[in-house]
Amino acid sequence: MKVFFRFNDGGRAEYYQGKKAGDCVTRAIAIAFEMDYKEVYDLISAEIKEHNGSTRGTARNGTPKEVTKAVIEKLGGEWTATMGIGTGCQVHVRADELPSEGRYILNLSRHVAAWVEGELNDTYDSSRDGTRCVYGYWKVPEAPEELIEEKLGDVEVPRN
């Protein structure tokens, strides 16, 4: 089945120029949770510092997996694994294998992308023509803006 692709940079162009960036986590969270790109960027940067002051990875050039997981779960994302050890790929980036309703963040090989109402939202068609394996995904809660306020209301996010 055809993958419906929608170009979406998550608001990056409003803050940063240039095309080359490893900010897929920042973009996917901004898109799926309907948040401002810079707000997500700052949230990820704060979480990287919280993880033992790690300098490995950044919100712009490769967010560590443990930080990705921590940020999405703080925002209320619920994880569903679609692949296990020895099972092989069960779910691909395809409209007939992923939910058609709701907002999700897909965990792919060396990439994450937003899946919104049955459409891939990214800066390129990262589906590999529907053959790319989905290791799992986070479902975004129905009313993310209320949950974000509730969960992050007292979290201090540094402003540049």
Protein backbone atom coordinates (compact mmCIF):
# COMPACT_ATOMS: atom_id res chain seq x y z
CA MET A 1 0.00 0.00 0.00
CA LYS A 2 1.19 3.50 -0.83
CA VAL A 3 2.82 5.63 1.87
CA PHE A 4 1.31 9.08 2.11
CA PHE A 5 4.22 11.47 2.64
CA ARG A 6 3.88 15.07 3.78
CA PHE A 7 6.94 17.33 3.88
CA ASN A 8 7.14 18.79 7.38
CA ASP A 9 10.23 20.22 9.08
CA GLY A 10 8.44 20.66 12.41
CA GLY A 11 9.10 24.40 12.37
CA ARG A 12 12.88 24.15 12.04
CA ALA A 13 13.05 26.70 9.18
CA GLU A 14 11.66 29.36 11.50
CA TYR A 15 14.78 29.10 13.68
CA TYR A 16 17.59 27.51 11.67
CA GLN A 17 18.86 27.73 8.11
CA GLY A 18 20.58 24.99 6.19
CA LYS A 19 19.33 21.64 5.10
CA LYS A 20 21.74 19.24 6.78
CA ALA A 21 20.90 18.41 10.39
CA GLY A 22 20.48 15.32 12.52
CA ASP A 23 17.45 16.75 14.29
CA CYS A 24 14.88 14.07 13.47
CA VAL A 25 13.98 13.59 17.15
CA THR A 26 13.37 17.31 17.64
CA ARG A 27 11.29 17.52 14.45
CA ALA A 28 9.26 14.37 15.17
CA ILE A 29 8.36 15.48 18.69
CA ALA A 30 7.47 19.00 17.50
CA ILE A 31 5.22 17.58 14.77
CA ALA A 32 3.55 14.77 16.73
CA PHE A 33 2.98 16.77 19.93
CA GLU A 34 2.18 19.98 18.01
CA MET A 35 4.87 21.87 19.91
CA ASP A 36 7.13 24.73 18.89
CA TYR A 37 10.43 23.44 17.43
CA LYS A 38 12.57 25.66 19.69
CA GLU A 39 10.66 24.57 22.79
CA VAL A 40 11.35 20.92 21.93
CA TYR A 41 14.97 21.75 21.09
CA ASP A 42 15.43 23.36 24.52
CA LEU A 43 13.66 20.49 26.28
CA ILE A 44 15.94 17.91 24.63
CA SER A 45 19.03 20.00 25.41
CA ALA A 46 18.03 20.16 29.08
CA GLU A 47 17.40 16.40 29.16
CA ILE A 48 20.83 15.68 27.61
CA LYS A 49 22.45 17.72 30.42
CA GLU A 50 20.37 15.89 33.01
CA HIS A 51 21.64 12.51 31.76
CA ASN A 52 24.96 12.69 33.62
CA GLY A 53 25.96 15.87 31.81
CA SER A 54 26.44 13.82 28.67
CA THR A 55 27.87 15.74 25.75
CA ARG A 56 27.17 12.86 23.40
CA GLY A 57 24.58 14.05 20.94
CA THR A 58 22.56 17.22 20.67
CA ALA A 59 19.03 18.27 19.79
CA ARG A 60 20.38 19.39 16.41
CA ASN A 61 22.87 16.66 15.54
CA GLY A 62 21.77 13.33 16.97
CA THR A 63 19.77 12.84 20.17
CA PRO A 64 20.78 9.78 22.23
CA LYS A 65 18.13 7.03 22.41
CA GLU A 66 17.80 7.23 26.19
CA VAL A 67 17.11 10.97 25.92
CA THR A 68 14.57 10.43 23.14
CA LYS A 69 12.72 7.90 25.29
CA ALA A 70 12.85 10.09 28.42
CA VAL A 71 11.54 13.21 26.68
CA ILE A 72 8.70 11.45 24.86
CA GLU A 73 7.61 9.64 28.01
CA LYS A 74 7.73 12.89 30.04
CA LEU A 75 5.35 14.33 27.46
CA GLY A 76 2.99 11.37 27.94
CA GLY A 77 3.89 9.21 24.93
CA GLU A 78 3.02 5.52 25.32
CA TRP A 79 5.41 2.97 23.83
CA THR A 80 4.32 0.01 21.70
CA ALA A 81 7.00 -2.41 20.52
CA THR A 82 6.43 -3.84 17.04
CA MET A 83 9.53 -6.02 16.89
CA GLY A 84 11.19 -8.38 19.34
CA ILE A 85 14.41 -10.35 19.49
CA GLY A 86 14.34 -13.02 16.80
CA THR A 87 10.94 -11.99 15.40
CA GLY A 88 12.14 -10.18 12.32
CA CYS A 89 10.39 -7.13 10.99
CA GLN A 90 6.64 -7.28 11.55
CA VAL A 91 5.62 -3.67 10.82
CA HIS A 92 6.83 -1.37 8.06
CA VAL A 93 6.29 2.33 7.36
CA ARG A 94 3.12 1.65 5.38
CA ALA A 95 -0.42 2.93 5.68
CA ASP A 96 -1.81 -0.62 5.85
CA GLU A 97 0.52 -1.62 8.72
CA LEU A 98 0.31 1.47 10.96
CA PRO A 99 -2.66 3.14 12.65
CA SER A 100 -4.68 5.42 10.39
CA GLU A 101 -5.88 7.66 13.22
CA GLY A 102 -3.93 9.51 15.86
CA ARG A 103 -0.45 10.95 16.23
CA TYR A 104 2.67 8.80 16.65
CA ILE A 105 6.45 8.94 16.71
CA LEU A 106 7.97 6.03 14.82
CA ASN A 107 11.24 4.47 15.96
CA LEU A 108 13.11 3.39 12.81
CA SER A 109 16.69 2.32 12.11
CA ARG A 110 18.87 5.34 12.98
CA HIS A 111 15.87 7.66 12.58
CA VAL A 112 12.56 8.72 14.09
CA ALA A 113 9.65 10.25 12.22
CA ALA A 114 6.15 11.52 12.91
CA TRP A 115 3.12 9.55 11.73
CA VAL A 116 0.02 11.76 11.80
CA GLU A 117 -3.45 10.54 10.84
CA GLY A 118 -2.01 7.86 8.55
CA GLU A 119 0.62 10.09 6.89
CA LEU A 120 4.39 10.15 7.24
CA ASN A 121 5.52 13.67 8.22
CA ASP A 122 9.25 14.22 7.67
CA THR A 123 11.74 16.21 5.60
CA TYR A 124 12.06 13.30 3.16
CA ASP A 125 10.21 10.09 2.42
CA SER A 126 11.93 7.97 5.07
CA SER A 127 9.67 4.96 4.39
CA ARG A 128 12.02 3.47 1.78
CA ASP A 129 8.97 2.85 -0.39
CA GLY A 130 7.16 1.08 2.44
CA THR A 131 10.00 -1.35 3.21
CA ARG A 132 11.53 0.39 6.24
CA CYS A 133 11.02 -1.51 9.48
CA VAL A 134 9.30 0.09 12.47
CA TYR A 135 10.86 -1.12 15.73
CA GLY A 136 8.07 0.45 17.73
CA TYR A 137 6.22 3.70 18.21
CA TRP A 138 5.05 6.15 20.84
CA LYS A 139 1.40 7.14 20.75
CA VAL A 140 0.77 10.80 21.52
CA PRO A 141 -2.06 11.40 24.00
CA GLU A 142 -5.35 12.75 22.66
CA ALA A 143 -4.97 16.25 24.16
CA PRO A 144 -1.20 16.76 24.30
CA GLU A 145 -1.28 20.49 25.13
CA GLU A 146 -3.00 19.94 28.50
CA LEU A 147 -0.73 17.02 29.32
CA ILE A 148 2.39 18.98 28.37
CA GLU A 149 1.41 21.79 30.73
CA GLU A 150 0.65 19.29 33.49
CA LYS A 151 3.87 17.28 33.03
CA LEU A 152 6.28 20.13 32.25
CA GLY A 153 4.73 22.98 34.18
CA ASP A 154 7.53 23.01 36.75
CA VAL A 155 10.36 21.79 34.51
CA GLU A 156 12.89 24.53 33.91
CA VAL A 157 13.83 24.68 30.25
CA PRO A 158 16.85 26.89 29.52
CA ARG A 159 16.22 29.72 27.10
CA ASN A 160 19.01 30.93 24.84
